[in-house]
Amino acid sequence: MKLPELGSESIDRIIEMAWEDRTPFEAIEEQFGLQEKQVIALMRREMKASSFQMWRERVSGRNSKHLQRREFVAGRFKSDNQKT
């Protein structure tokens, strides 16, 4: 999968956002233009295999990582670094 050219600061921020339980993939897409599949590919490329596997187990099926599946909207946490 082809990923856009990203600087090290952007990659670090994407990884940070992907690890956060309450940051949806849609926020990453809006801020960095990466779809969920691209975020997964980036995480696979940038992380150790064991860390990637642990992350995939955490986010697989997690409702909070997808806006349509969330049970809450109002009052959600928003990082100062997050644009959306």
PDB file of N, CA and C in Angstrom:
ATOM      1  N   MET A   1       0.843  -1.176   0.000  1.00  0.00           N
ATOM      2  CA  MET A   1       0.000   0.000   0.000  1.00  0.00           C
ATOM      3  C   MET A   1       0.888   1.240   0.000  1.00  0.00           C
ATOM      4  N   LYS A   2       0.606   2.146  -0.892  1.00  0.00           N
ATOM      5  CA  LYS A   2       1.394   3.370  -1.015  1.00  0.00           C
ATOM      6  C   LYS A   2       0.950   4.383   0.036  1.00  0.00           C
ATOM      7  N   LEU A   3       1.922   4.868   0.781  1.00  0.00           N
ATOM      8  CA  LEU A   3       1.667   5.878   1.802  1.00  0.00           C
ATOM      9  C   LEU A   3       2.249   7.205   1.335  1.00  0.00           C
ATOM     10  N   PRO A   4       1.594   8.321   1.669  1.00  0.00           N
ATOM     11  CA  PRO A   4       2.154   9.616   1.288  1.00  0.00           C
ATOM     12  C   PRO A   4       3.437   9.899   2.066  1.00  0.00           C
ATOM     13  N   GLU A   5       4.234  10.800   1.538  1.00  0.00           N
ATOM     14  CA  GLU A   5       5.460  11.207   2.231  1.00  0.00           C
ATOM     15  C   GLU A   5       5.071  11.978   3.490  1.00  0.00           C
ATOM     16  N   LEU A   6       5.562  11.522   4.628  1.00  0.00           N
ATOM     17  CA  LEU A   6       5.264  12.159   5.895  1.00  0.00           C
ATOM     18  C   LEU A   6       6.555  12.398   6.651  1.00  0.00           C
ATOM     19  N   GLY A   7       6.628  13.527   7.334  1.00  0.00           N
ATOM     20  CA  GLY A   7       7.787  13.813   8.162  1.00  0.00           C
ATOM     21  C   GLY A   7       7.734  13.014   9.453  1.00  0.00           C
ATOM     22  N   SER A   8       8.842  12.983  10.156  1.00  0.00           N
ATOM     23  CA  SER A   8       8.908  12.185  11.383  1.00  0.00           C
ATOM     24  C   SER A   8       7.947  12.709  12.446  1.00  0.00           C
ATOM     25  N   GLU A   9       7.735  14.028  12.506  1.00  0.00           N
ATOM     26  CA  GLU A   9       6.779  14.588  13.473  1.00  0.00           C
ATOM     27  C   GLU A   9       5.362  14.132  13.158  1.00  0.00           C
ATOM     28  N   SER A  10       4.993  14.120  11.895  1.00  0.00           N
ATOM     29  CA  SER A  10       3.660  13.675  11.498  1.00  0.00           C
ATOM     30  C   SER A  10       3.463  12.195  11.803  1.00  0.00           C
ATOM     31  N   ILE A  11       4.475  11.391  11.513  1.00  0.00           N
ATOM     32  CA  ILE A  11       4.392   9.955  11.790  1.00  0.00           C
ATOM     33  C   ILE A  11       4.227   9.722  13.288  1.00  0.00           C
ATOM     34  N   ASP A  12       5.014  10.436  14.088  1.00  0.00           N
ATOM     35  CA  ASP A  12       4.899  10.297  15.549  1.00  0.00           C
ATOM     36  C   ASP A  12       3.504  10.674  16.028  1.00  0.00           C
ATOM     37  N   ARG A  13       2.940  11.738  15.476  1.00  0.00           N
ATOM     38  CA  ARG A  13       1.599  12.183  15.900  1.00  0.00           C
ATOM     39  C   ARG A  13       0.538  11.183  15.460  1.00  0.00           C
ATOM     40  N   ILE A  14       0.654  10.629  14.266  1.00  0.00           N
ATOM     41  CA  ILE A  14      -0.308   9.627  13.792  1.00  0.00           C
ATOM     42  C   ILE A  14      -0.277   8.401  14.703  1.00  0.00           C
ATOM     43  N   ILE A  15       0.912   7.946  15.058  1.00  0.00           N
ATOM     44  CA  ILE A  15       1.042   6.792  15.946  1.00  0.00           C
ATOM     45  C   ILE A  15       0.420   7.106  17.303  1.00  0.00           C
ATOM     46  N   GLU A  16       0.685   8.295  17.807  1.00  0.00           N
ATOM     47  CA  GLU A  16       0.100   8.712  19.089  1.00  0.00           C
ATOM     48  C   GLU A  16      -1.425   8.717  19.026  1.00  0.00           C
ATOM     49  N   MET A  17      -1.969   9.274  17.957  1.00  0.00           N
ATOM     50  CA  MET A  17      -3.425   9.330  17.807  1.00  0.00           C
ATOM     51  C   MET A  17      -4.016   7.929  17.648  1.00  0.00           C
ATOM     52  N   ALA A  18      -3.316   7.062  16.918  1.00  0.00           N
ATOM     53  CA  ALA A  18      -3.814   5.702  16.711  1.00  0.00           C
ATOM     54  C   ALA A  18      -3.835   4.910  18.017  1.00  0.00           C
ATOM     55  N   TRP A  19      -2.884   5.162  18.911  1.00  0.00           N
ATOM     56  CA  TRP A  19      -2.843   4.462  20.199  1.00  0.00           C
ATOM     57  C   TRP A  19      -3.920   4.959  21.150  1.00  0.00           C
ATOM     58  N   GLU A  20      -4.361   6.224  20.995  1.00  0.00           N
ATOM     59  CA  GLU A  20      -5.379   6.782  21.883  1.00  0.00           C
ATOM     60  C   GLU A  20      -6.707   6.072  21.635  1.00  0.00           C
ATOM     61  N   ASP A  21      -7.317   5.595  22.690  1.00  0.00           N
ATOM     62  CA  ASP A  21      -8.573   4.859  22.562  1.00  0.00           C
ATOM     63  C   ASP A  21      -9.702   5.721  22.008  1.00  0.00           C
ATOM     64  N   ARG A  22      -9.735   6.980  22.360  1.00  0.00           N
ATOM     65  CA  ARG A  22     -10.876   7.811  22.012  1.00  0.00           C
ATOM     66  C   ARG A  22     -10.687   8.623  20.744  1.00  0.00           C
ATOM     67  N   THR A  23      -9.563   8.504  20.079  1.00  0.00           N
ATOM     68  CA  THR A  23      -9.337   9.223  18.825  1.00  0.00           C
ATOM     69  C   THR A  23      -9.757   8.327  17.665  1.00  0.00           C
ATOM     70  N   PRO A  24     -10.795   8.722  16.928  1.00  0.00           N
ATOM     71  CA  PRO A  24     -11.272   7.868  15.832  1.00  0.00           C
ATOM     72  C   PRO A  24     -10.357   7.949  14.611  1.00  0.00           C
ATOM     73  N   PHE A  25     -10.422   6.917  13.788  1.00  0.00           N
ATOM     74  CA  PHE A  25      -9.647   6.907  12.548  1.00  0.00           C
ATOM     75  C   PHE A  25     -10.058   8.070  11.648  1.00  0.00           C
ATOM     76  N   GLU A  26     -11.309   8.499  11.739  1.00  0.00           N
ATOM     77  CA  GLU A  26     -11.783   9.613  10.914  1.00  0.00           C
ATOM     78  C   GLU A  26     -11.036  10.907  11.240  1.00  0.00           C
ATOM     79  N   ALA A  27     -10.663  11.105  12.504  1.00  0.00           N
ATOM     80  CA  ALA A  27      -9.893  12.296  12.887  1.00  0.00           C
ATOM     81  C   ALA A  27      -8.503  12.255  12.265  1.00  0.00           C
ATOM     82  N   ILE A  28      -7.897  11.079  12.226  1.00  0.00           N
ATOM     83  CA  ILE A  28      -6.587  10.927  11.598  1.00  0.00           C
ATOM     84  C   ILE A  28      -6.703  11.197  10.099  1.00  0.00           C
ATOM     85  N   GLU A  29      -7.766  10.686   9.505  1.00  0.00           N
ATOM     86  CA  GLU A  29      -7.971  10.901   8.070  1.00  0.00           C
ATOM     87  C   GLU A  29      -8.165  12.384   7.755  1.00  0.00           C
ATOM     88  N   GLU A  30      -8.948  13.069   8.569  1.00  0.00           N
ATOM     89  CA  GLU A  30      -9.198  14.486   8.314  1.00  0.00           C
ATOM     90  C   GLU A  30      -7.936  15.318   8.498  1.00  0.00           C
ATOM     91  N   GLN A  31      -7.135  14.984   9.497  1.00  0.00           N
ATOM     92  CA  GLN A  31      -5.951  15.774   9.785  1.00  0.00           C
ATOM     93  C   GLN A  31      -4.771  15.437   8.874  1.00  0.00           C
ATOM     94  N   PHE A  32      -4.588  14.153   8.540  1.00  0.00           N
ATOM     95  CA  PHE A  32      -3.405  13.735   7.786  1.00  0.00           C
ATOM     96  C   PHE A  32      -3.721  13.128   6.424  1.00  0.00           C
ATOM     97  N   GLY A  33      -5.003  12.884   6.122  1.00  0.00           N
ATOM     98  CA  GLY A  33      -5.378  12.332   4.825  1.00  0.00           C
ATOM     99  C   GLY A  33      -5.129  10.844   4.676  1.00  0.00           C
ATOM    100  N   LEU A  34      -4.960  10.120   5.791  1.00  0.00           N
ATOM    101  CA  LEU A  34      -4.726   8.678   5.746  1.00  0.00           C
ATOM    102  C   LEU A  34      -5.994   7.923   6.108  1.00  0.00           C
ATOM    103  N   GLN A  35      -6.397   6.997   5.263  1.00  0.00           N
ATOM    104  CA  GLN A  35      -7.540   6.146   5.569  1.00  0.00           C
ATOM    105  C   GLN A  35      -7.119   5.099   6.592  1.00  0.00           C
ATOM    106  N   GLU A  36      -8.094   4.415   7.171  1.00  0.00           N
ATOM    107  CA  GLU A  36      -7.816   3.419   8.203  1.00  0.00           C
ATOM    108  C   GLU A  36      -6.795   2.372   7.735  1.00  0.00           C
ATOM    109  N   LYS A  37      -6.956   1.875   6.514  1.00  0.00           N
ATOM    110  CA  LYS A  37      -6.017   0.869   5.992  1.00  0.00           C
ATOM    111  C   LYS A  37      -4.601   1.422   5.907  1.00  0.00           C
ATOM    112  N   GLN A  38      -4.473   2.696   5.562  1.00  0.00           N
ATOM    113  CA  GLN A  38      -3.158   3.311   5.483  1.00  0.00           C
ATOM    114  C   GLN A  38      -2.552   3.503   6.876  1.00  0.00           C
ATOM    115  N   VAL A  39      -3.379   3.836   7.859  1.00  0.00           N
ATOM    116  CA  VAL A  39      -2.901   3.959   9.237  1.00  0.00           C
ATOM    117  C   VAL A  39      -2.381   2.605   9.712  1.00  0.00           C
ATOM    118  N   ILE A  40      -3.111   1.546   9.409  1.00  0.00           N
ATOM    119  CA  ILE A  40      -2.685   0.196   9.794  1.00  0.00           C
ATOM    120  C   ILE A  40      -1.349  -0.137   9.132  1.00  0.00           C
ATOM    121  N   ALA A  41      -1.210   0.192   7.845  1.00  0.00           N
ATOM    122  CA  ALA A  41       0.048  -0.073   7.138  1.00  0.00           C
ATOM    123  C   ALA A  41       1.195   0.734   7.738  1.00  0.00           C
ATOM    124  N   LEU A  42       0.929   1.985   8.090  1.00  0.00           N
ATOM    125  CA  LEU A  42       1.944   2.829   8.710  1.00  0.00           C
ATOM    126  C   LEU A  42       2.367   2.256  10.065  1.00  0.00           C
ATOM    127  N   MET A  43       1.397   1.841  10.858  1.00  0.00           N
ATOM    128  CA  MET A  43       1.697   1.265  12.170  1.00  0.00           C
ATOM    129  C   MET A  43       2.525  -0.013  11.996  1.00  0.00           C
ATOM    130  N   ARG A  44       2.179  -0.835  11.027  1.00  0.00           N
ATOM    131  CA  ARG A  44       2.927  -2.074  10.776  1.00  0.00           C
ATOM    132  C   ARG A  44       4.372  -1.766  10.387  1.00  0.00           C
ATOM    133  N   ARG A  45       4.540  -0.738   9.571  1.00  0.00           N
ATOM    134  CA  ARG A  45       5.876  -0.367   9.088  1.00  0.00           C
ATOM    135  C   ARG A  45       6.745   0.253  10.193  1.00  0.00           C
ATOM    136  N   GLU A  46       6.141   1.060  11.044  1.00  0.00           N
ATOM    137  CA  GLU A  46       6.903   1.845  12.011  1.00  0.00           C
ATOM    138  C   GLU A  46       7.117   1.163  13.361  1.00  0.00           C
ATOM    139  N   MET A  47       6.348   0.130  13.665  1.00  0.00           N
ATOM    140  CA  MET A  47       6.417  -0.480  14.990  1.00  0.00           C
ATOM    141  C   MET A  47       7.081  -1.854  14.938  1.00  0.00           C
ATOM    142  N   LYS A  48       7.563  -2.280  16.096  1.00  0.00           N
ATOM    143  CA  LYS A  48       8.043  -3.659  16.211  1.00  0.00           C
ATOM    144  C   LYS A  48       6.837  -4.576  16.002  1.00  0.00           C
ATOM    145  N   ALA A  49       7.086  -5.773  15.529  1.00  0.00           N
ATOM    146  CA  ALA A  49       5.994  -6.717  15.240  1.00  0.00           C
ATOM    147  C   ALA A  49       5.139  -6.984  16.473  1.00  0.00           C
ATOM    148  N   SER A  50       5.757  -7.153  17.622  1.00  0.00           N
ATOM    149  CA  SER A  50       4.985  -7.444  18.841  1.00  0.00           C
ATOM    150  C   SER A  50       4.136  -6.246  19.266  1.00  0.00           C
ATOM    151  N   SER A  51       4.672  -5.043  19.107  1.00  0.00           N
ATOM    152  CA  SER A  51       3.904  -3.835  19.451  1.00  0.00           C
ATOM    153  C   SER A  51       2.740  -3.647  18.496  1.00  0.00           C
ATOM    154  N   PHE A  52       2.985  -3.900  17.210  1.00  0.00           N
ATOM    155  CA  PHE A  52       1.900  -3.786  16.230  1.00  0.00           C
ATOM    156  C   PHE A  52       0.788  -4.789  16.535  1.00  0.00           C
ATOM    157  N   GLN A  53       1.171  -6.005  16.855  1.00  0.00           N
ATOM    158  CA  GLN A  53       0.184  -7.046  17.166  1.00  0.00           C
ATOM    159  C   GLN A  53      -0.649  -6.655  18.394  1.00  0.00           C
ATOM    160  N   MET A  54       0.006  -6.117  19.412  1.00  0.00           N
ATOM    161  CA  MET A  54      -0.702  -5.682  20.617  1.00  0.00           C
ATOM    162  C   MET A  54      -1.678  -4.547  20.280  1.00  0.00           C
ATOM    163  N   TRP A  55      -1.238  -3.598  19.438  1.00  0.00           N
ATOM    164  CA  TRP A  55      -2.105  -2.492  19.044  1.00  0.00           C
ATOM    165  C   TRP A  55      -3.310  -2.995  18.256  1.00  0.00           C
ATOM    166  N   ARG A  56      -3.090  -3.912  17.306  1.00  0.00           N
ATOM    167  CA  ARG A  56      -4.191  -4.444  16.497  1.00  0.00           C
ATOM    168  C   ARG A  56      -5.223  -5.145  17.366  1.00  0.00           C
ATOM    169  N   GLU A  57      -4.767  -5.888  18.360  1.00  0.00           N
ATOM    170  CA  GLU A  57      -5.701  -6.556  19.268  1.00  0.00           C
ATOM    171  C   GLU A  57      -6.512  -5.534  20.049  1.00  0.00           C
ATOM    172  N   ARG A  58      -5.880  -4.419  20.423  1.00  0.00           N
ATOM    173  CA  ARG A  58      -6.589  -3.371  21.182  1.00  0.00           C
ATOM    174  C   ARG A  58      -7.655  -2.680  20.349  1.00  0.00           C
ATOM    175  N   VAL A  59      -7.345  -2.344  19.106  1.00  0.00           N
ATOM    176  CA  VAL A  59      -8.275  -1.536  18.314  1.00  0.00           C
ATOM    177  C   VAL A  59      -9.266  -2.353  17.501  1.00  0.00           C
ATOM    178  N   SER A  60      -9.010  -3.623  17.306  1.00  0.00           N
ATOM    179  CA  SER A  60      -9.930  -4.446  16.514  1.00  0.00           C
ATOM    180  C   SER A  60     -11.281  -4.529  17.217  1.00  0.00           C
ATOM    181  N   GLY A  61     -12.295  -4.060  16.524  1.00  0.00           N
ATOM    182  CA  GLY A  61     -13.645  -4.113  17.068  1.00  0.00           C
ATOM    183  C   GLY A  61     -13.949  -3.051  18.107  1.00  0.00           C
ATOM    184  N   ARG A  62     -13.027  -2.145  18.364  1.00  0.00           N
ATOM    185  CA  ARG A  62     -13.245  -1.098  19.362  1.00  0.00           C
ATOM    186  C   ARG A  62     -14.163  -0.026  18.775  1.00  0.00           C
ATOM    187  N   ASN A  63     -15.315   0.156  19.369  1.00  0.00           N
ATOM    188  CA  ASN A  63     -16.299   1.107  18.853  1.00  0.00           C
ATOM    189  C   ASN A  63     -15.807   2.545  18.882  1.00  0.00           C
ATOM    190  N   SER A  64     -14.987   2.900  19.843  1.00  0.00           N
ATOM    191  CA  SER A  64     -14.552   4.286  19.978  1.00  0.00           C
ATOM    192  C   SER A  64     -13.611   4.730  18.857  1.00  0.00           C
ATOM    193  N   LYS A  65     -13.065   3.794  18.076  1.00  0.00           N
ATOM    194  CA  LYS A  65     -12.165   4.151  16.988  1.00  0.00           C
ATOM    195  C   LYS A  65     -12.902   4.466  15.690  1.00  0.00           C
ATOM    196  N   HIS A  66     -14.241   4.379  15.703  1.00  0.00           N
ATOM    197  CA  HIS A  66     -15.048   4.659  14.517  1.00  0.00           C
ATOM    198  C   HIS A  66     -16.216   5.561  14.913  1.00  0.00           C
ATOM    199  N   LEU A  67     -16.344   6.702  14.256  1.00  0.00           N
ATOM    200  CA  LEU A  67     -17.387   7.659  14.619  1.00  0.00           C
ATOM    201  C   LEU A  67     -18.789   7.067  14.523  1.00  0.00           C
ATOM    202  N   GLN A  68     -19.065   6.248  13.497  1.00  0.00           N
ATOM    203  CA  GLN A  68     -20.409   5.705  13.318  1.00  0.00           C
ATOM    204  C   GLN A  68     -20.786   4.726  14.422  1.00  0.00           C
ATOM    205  N   ARG A  69     -19.829   4.098  15.051  1.00  0.00           N
ATOM    206  CA  ARG A  69     -20.117   3.090  16.072  1.00  0.00           C
ATOM    207  C   ARG A  69     -20.119   3.651  17.487  1.00  0.00           C
ATOM    208  N   ARG A  70     -19.766   4.899  17.653  1.00  0.00           N
ATOM    209  CA  ARG A  70     -19.669   5.493  18.984  1.00  0.00           C
ATOM    210  C   ARG A  70     -21.035   5.637  19.617  1.00  0.00           C
ATOM    211  N   GLU A  71     -21.052   5.431  20.905  1.00  0.00           N
ATOM    212  CA  GLU A  71     -22.287   5.657  21.667  1.00  0.00           C
ATOM    213  C   GLU A  71     -22.324   7.074  22.211  1.00  0.00           C
ATOM    214  N   PHE A  72     -21.196   7.771  22.223  1.00  0.00           N
ATOM    215  CA  PHE A  72     -21.130   9.124  22.750  1.00  0.00           C
ATOM    216  C   PHE A  72     -20.608  10.061  21.681  1.00  0.00           C
ATOM    217  N   VAL A  73     -21.050  11.310  21.738  1.00  0.00           N
ATOM    218  CA  VAL A  73     -20.539  12.333  20.836  1.00  0.00           C
ATOM    219  C   VAL A  73     -20.186  13.563  21.656  1.00  0.00           C
ATOM    220  N   ALA A  74     -21.193  14.090  22.367  1.00  0.00           N
ATOM    221  CA  ALA A  74     -20.975  15.276  23.180  1.00  0.00           C
ATOM    222  C   ALA A  74     -20.044  14.940  24.332  1.00  0.00           C
ATOM    223  N   GLY A  75     -19.148  15.848  24.616  1.00  0.00           N
ATOM    224  CA  GLY A  75     -18.253  15.668  25.733  1.00  0.00           C
ATOM    225  C   GLY A  75     -17.066  14.777  25.459  1.00  0.00           C
ATOM    226  N   ARG A  76     -16.831  14.425  24.200  1.00  0.00           N
ATOM    227  CA  ARG A  76     -15.680  13.573  23.925  1.00  0.00           C
ATOM    228  C   ARG A  76     -14.403  14.377  24.105  1.00  0.00           C
ATOM    229  N   PHE A  77     -13.344  13.703  24.508  1.00  0.00           N
ATOM    230  CA  PHE A  77     -12.056  14.341  24.722  1.00  0.00           C
ATOM    231  C   PHE A  77     -11.471  14.800  23.400  1.00  0.00           C
ATOM    232  N   LYS A  78     -10.872  15.982  23.408  1.00  0.00           N
ATOM    233  CA  LYS A  78     -10.222  16.487  22.211  1.00  0.00           C
ATOM    234  C   LYS A  78      -8.861  17.046  22.635  1.00  0.00           C
ATOM    235  N   SER A  79      -7.811  16.465  22.115  1.00  0.00           N
ATOM    236  CA  SER A  79      -6.457  16.925  22.418  1.00  0.00           C
ATOM    237  C   SER A  79      -6.229  18.316  21.844  1.00  0.00           C
ATOM    238  N   ASP A  80      -5.388  19.094  22.504  1.00  0.00           N
ATOM    239  CA  ASP A  80      -5.038  20.421  21.991  1.00  0.00           C
ATOM    240  C   ASP A  80      -4.313  20.332  20.660  1.00  0.00           C
ATOM    241  N   ASN A  81      -3.668  19.190  20.391  1.00  0.00           N
ATOM    242  CA  ASN A  81      -2.941  18.996  19.136  1.00  0.00           C
ATOM    243  C   ASN A  81      -3.843  18.539  18.002  1.00  0.00           C
ATOM    244  N   GLN A  82      -5.077  18.175  18.322  1.00  0.00           N
ATOM    245  CA  GLN A  82      -6.010  17.620  17.329  1.00  0.00           C
ATOM    246  C   GLN A  82      -6.776  18.749  16.673  1.00  0.00           C
ATOM    247  N   LYS A  83      -6.825  18.747  15.349  1.00  0.00           N
ATOM    248  CA  LYS A  83      -7.511  19.807  14.614  1.00  0.00           C
ATOM    249  C   LYS A  83      -9.022  19.633  14.619  1.00  0.00           C
ATOM    250  N   THR A  84      -9.514  18.393  14.599  1.00  0.00           N
ATOM    251  CA  THR A  84     -10.950  18.159  14.517  1.00  0.00           C
ATOM    252  C   THR A  84     -11.510  17.705  15.829  1.00  0.00           C
TER     253      THR A  84
END
